[in-house]
Amino acid sequence: MRVAPGGGTAVQDHVALAEIELCGELIIAASAAEERLSLESIDEVLRVAEERETAGRE
């Protein structure tokens, strides 16, 4: 049986943390909506347009 070492040796996965944050924002938006979110609304919450602009500049 292996036990993870203690003492703050955890590694943060920044991509996973960003995905968790976006999922949380999507859940909040969906719970606040009266109807199902449209694809455009989902893209807005997930900041798809911003990501495309950033990728286009590179």
N, C-alpha and C. Protein backbone atom coordinates (compact mmCIF):
# COMPACT_ATOMS: atom_id res chain seq x y z
N MET A 1 0.84 -1.18 0.00
CA MET A 1 0.00 0.00 0.00
C MET A 1 0.88 1.24 0.00
N ARG A 2 0.62 2.14 -0.91
CA ARG A 2 1.38 3.39 -1.00
C ARG A 2 0.58 4.52 -0.40
N VAL A 3 1.26 5.38 0.30
CA VAL A 3 0.63 6.55 0.91
C VAL A 3 1.34 7.77 0.37
N ALA A 4 0.56 8.76 -0.02
CA ALA A 4 1.14 10.00 -0.54
C ALA A 4 1.92 10.70 0.56
N PRO A 5 3.09 11.20 0.22
CA PRO A 5 3.89 11.90 1.23
C PRO A 5 3.20 13.17 1.69
N GLY A 6 3.36 13.51 2.93
CA GLY A 6 2.75 14.72 3.49
C GLY A 6 3.69 15.90 3.37
N GLY A 7 3.26 17.01 3.87
CA GLY A 7 4.15 18.16 3.93
C GLY A 7 4.12 19.07 2.73
N GLY A 8 2.98 19.23 2.08
CA GLY A 8 2.86 20.22 1.01
C GLY A 8 3.55 19.85 -0.28
N THR A 9 3.58 18.59 -0.63
CA THR A 9 4.23 18.18 -1.88
C THR A 9 3.25 18.07 -3.04
N ALA A 10 2.02 18.53 -2.86
CA ALA A 10 1.02 18.44 -3.92
C ALA A 10 1.39 19.37 -5.07
N VAL A 11 1.19 18.89 -6.29
CA VAL A 11 1.46 19.67 -7.48
C VAL A 11 0.13 20.18 -8.02
N GLN A 12 0.09 21.47 -8.32
CA GLN A 12 -1.15 22.04 -8.86
C GLN A 12 -1.14 21.90 -10.38
N ASP A 13 -2.24 21.41 -10.90
CA ASP A 13 -2.42 21.31 -12.34
C ASP A 13 -3.26 22.51 -12.75
N HIS A 14 -2.62 23.52 -13.32
CA HIS A 14 -3.30 24.78 -13.64
C HIS A 14 -4.40 24.60 -14.69
N VAL A 15 -4.20 23.68 -15.62
CA VAL A 15 -5.23 23.42 -16.63
C VAL A 15 -6.46 22.82 -15.97
N ALA A 16 -6.26 21.86 -15.09
CA ALA A 16 -7.39 21.23 -14.39
C ALA A 16 -8.12 22.26 -13.52
N LEU A 17 -7.38 23.12 -12.85
CA LEU A 17 -8.01 24.14 -12.02
C LEU A 17 -8.84 25.11 -12.87
N ALA A 18 -8.34 25.47 -14.05
CA ALA A 18 -9.08 26.35 -14.94
C ALA A 18 -10.35 25.67 -15.44
N GLU A 19 -10.27 24.39 -15.75
CA GLU A 19 -11.45 23.65 -16.21
C GLU A 19 -12.49 23.56 -15.09
N ILE A 20 -12.04 23.33 -13.87
CA ILE A 20 -12.97 23.26 -12.74
C ILE A 20 -13.66 24.61 -12.54
N GLU A 21 -12.91 25.70 -12.67
CA GLU A 21 -13.50 27.03 -12.53
C GLU A 21 -14.56 27.28 -13.61
N LEU A 22 -14.26 26.92 -14.85
CA LEU A 22 -15.22 27.10 -15.94
C LEU A 22 -16.47 26.25 -15.73
N CYS A 23 -16.28 25.03 -15.26
CA CYS A 23 -17.44 24.16 -14.98
C CYS A 23 -18.31 24.78 -13.90
N GLY A 24 -17.69 25.33 -12.89
CA GLY A 24 -18.45 26.00 -11.83
C GLY A 24 -19.24 27.17 -12.36
N GLU A 25 -18.62 27.97 -13.22
CA GLU A 25 -19.32 29.11 -13.81
C GLU A 25 -20.49 28.65 -14.67
N LEU A 26 -20.29 27.56 -15.39
CA LEU A 26 -21.37 27.02 -16.23
C LEU A 26 -22.52 26.51 -15.37
N ILE A 27 -22.22 25.85 -14.27
CA ILE A 27 -23.25 25.35 -13.36
C ILE A 27 -24.03 26.51 -12.76
N ILE A 28 -23.34 27.58 -12.38
CA ILE A 28 -24.02 28.75 -11.82
C ILE A 28 -24.94 29.38 -12.85
N ALA A 29 -24.46 29.52 -14.08
CA ALA A 29 -25.28 30.11 -15.15
C ALA A 29 -26.50 29.24 -15.44
N ALA A 30 -26.30 27.94 -15.46
CA ALA A 30 -27.42 27.03 -15.75
C ALA A 30 -28.45 27.05 -14.63
N SER A 31 -28.00 27.15 -13.40
CA SER A 31 -28.96 27.17 -12.28
C SER A 31 -29.72 28.48 -12.21
N ALA A 32 -29.12 29.56 -12.71
CA ALA A 32 -29.79 30.86 -12.69
C ALA A 32 -30.75 31.05 -13.87
N ALA A 33 -30.59 30.24 -14.91
CA ALA A 33 -31.41 30.38 -16.11
C ALA A 33 -32.79 29.76 -15.90
N GLU A 34 -33.78 30.38 -16.51
CA GLU A 34 -35.14 29.85 -16.43
C GLU A 34 -35.34 28.70 -17.40
N GLU A 35 -34.61 28.71 -18.51
CA GLU A 35 -34.70 27.66 -19.53
C GLU A 35 -33.30 27.11 -19.77
N ARG A 36 -33.23 26.12 -20.65
CA ARG A 36 -31.93 25.57 -21.02
C ARG A 36 -31.07 26.66 -21.63
N LEU A 37 -29.79 26.60 -21.37
CA LEU A 37 -28.87 27.57 -21.95
C LEU A 37 -28.70 27.29 -23.44
N SER A 38 -28.70 28.34 -24.22
CA SER A 38 -28.44 28.19 -25.65
C SER A 38 -26.94 27.95 -25.85
N LEU A 39 -26.59 27.48 -27.03
CA LEU A 39 -25.17 27.28 -27.33
C LEU A 39 -24.40 28.59 -27.24
N GLU A 40 -25.03 29.68 -27.65
CA GLU A 40 -24.39 30.99 -27.57
C GLU A 40 -24.15 31.39 -26.12
N SER A 41 -25.11 31.10 -25.25
CA SER A 41 -24.95 31.41 -23.83
C SER A 41 -23.83 30.58 -23.20
N ILE A 42 -23.76 29.33 -23.58
CA ILE A 42 -22.70 28.46 -23.07
C ILE A 42 -21.34 28.97 -23.53
N ASP A 43 -21.24 29.33 -24.81
CA ASP A 43 -19.99 29.88 -25.33
C ASP A 43 -19.60 31.15 -24.59
N GLU A 44 -20.58 31.98 -24.26
CA GLU A 44 -20.30 33.22 -23.54
C GLU A 44 -19.77 32.92 -22.14
N VAL A 45 -20.41 32.00 -21.44
CA VAL A 45 -19.96 31.63 -20.09
C VAL A 45 -18.55 31.06 -20.13
N LEU A 46 -18.28 30.24 -21.13
CA LEU A 46 -16.97 29.59 -21.25
C LEU A 46 -15.93 30.47 -21.93
N ARG A 47 -16.34 31.68 -22.31
CA ARG A 47 -15.45 32.67 -22.93
C ARG A 47 -14.77 32.13 -24.19
N VAL A 48 -15.57 31.46 -25.03
CA VAL A 48 -15.05 30.86 -26.26
C VAL A 48 -14.55 31.94 -27.22
N ALA A 49 -15.30 33.03 -27.37
CA ALA A 49 -14.90 34.09 -28.30
C ALA A 49 -13.58 34.72 -27.86
N GLU A 50 -13.40 34.93 -26.57
CA GLU A 50 -12.15 35.50 -26.07
C GLU A 50 -10.98 34.58 -26.38
N GLU A 51 -11.19 33.29 -26.21
CA GLU A 51 -10.13 32.32 -26.47
C GLU A 51 -9.77 32.31 -27.95
N ARG A 52 -10.78 32.42 -28.80
CA ARG A 52 -10.51 32.45 -30.25
C ARG A 52 -9.71 33.69 -30.63
N GLU A 53 -10.04 34.84 -30.02
CA GLU A 53 -9.31 36.07 -30.30
C GLU A 53 -7.85 35.93 -29.87
N THR A 54 -7.64 35.38 -28.70
CA THR A 54 -6.29 35.19 -28.20
C THR A 54 -5.50 34.25 -29.10
N ALA A 55 -6.12 33.17 -29.53
CA ALA A 55 -5.45 32.19 -30.40
C ALA A 55 -5.16 32.81 -31.76
N GLY A 56 -6.02 33.69 -32.24
CA GLY A 56 -5.83 34.33 -33.54
C GLY A 56 -4.68 35.31 -33.55
N ARG A 57 -4.32 35.84 -32.39
CA ARG A 57 -3.23 36.81 -32.30
C ARG A 57 -1.86 36.12 -32.28
N GLU A 58 -1.83 34.86 -31.98
CA GLU A 58 -0.55 34.15 -31.85
C GLU A 58 -0.01 33.74 -33.18
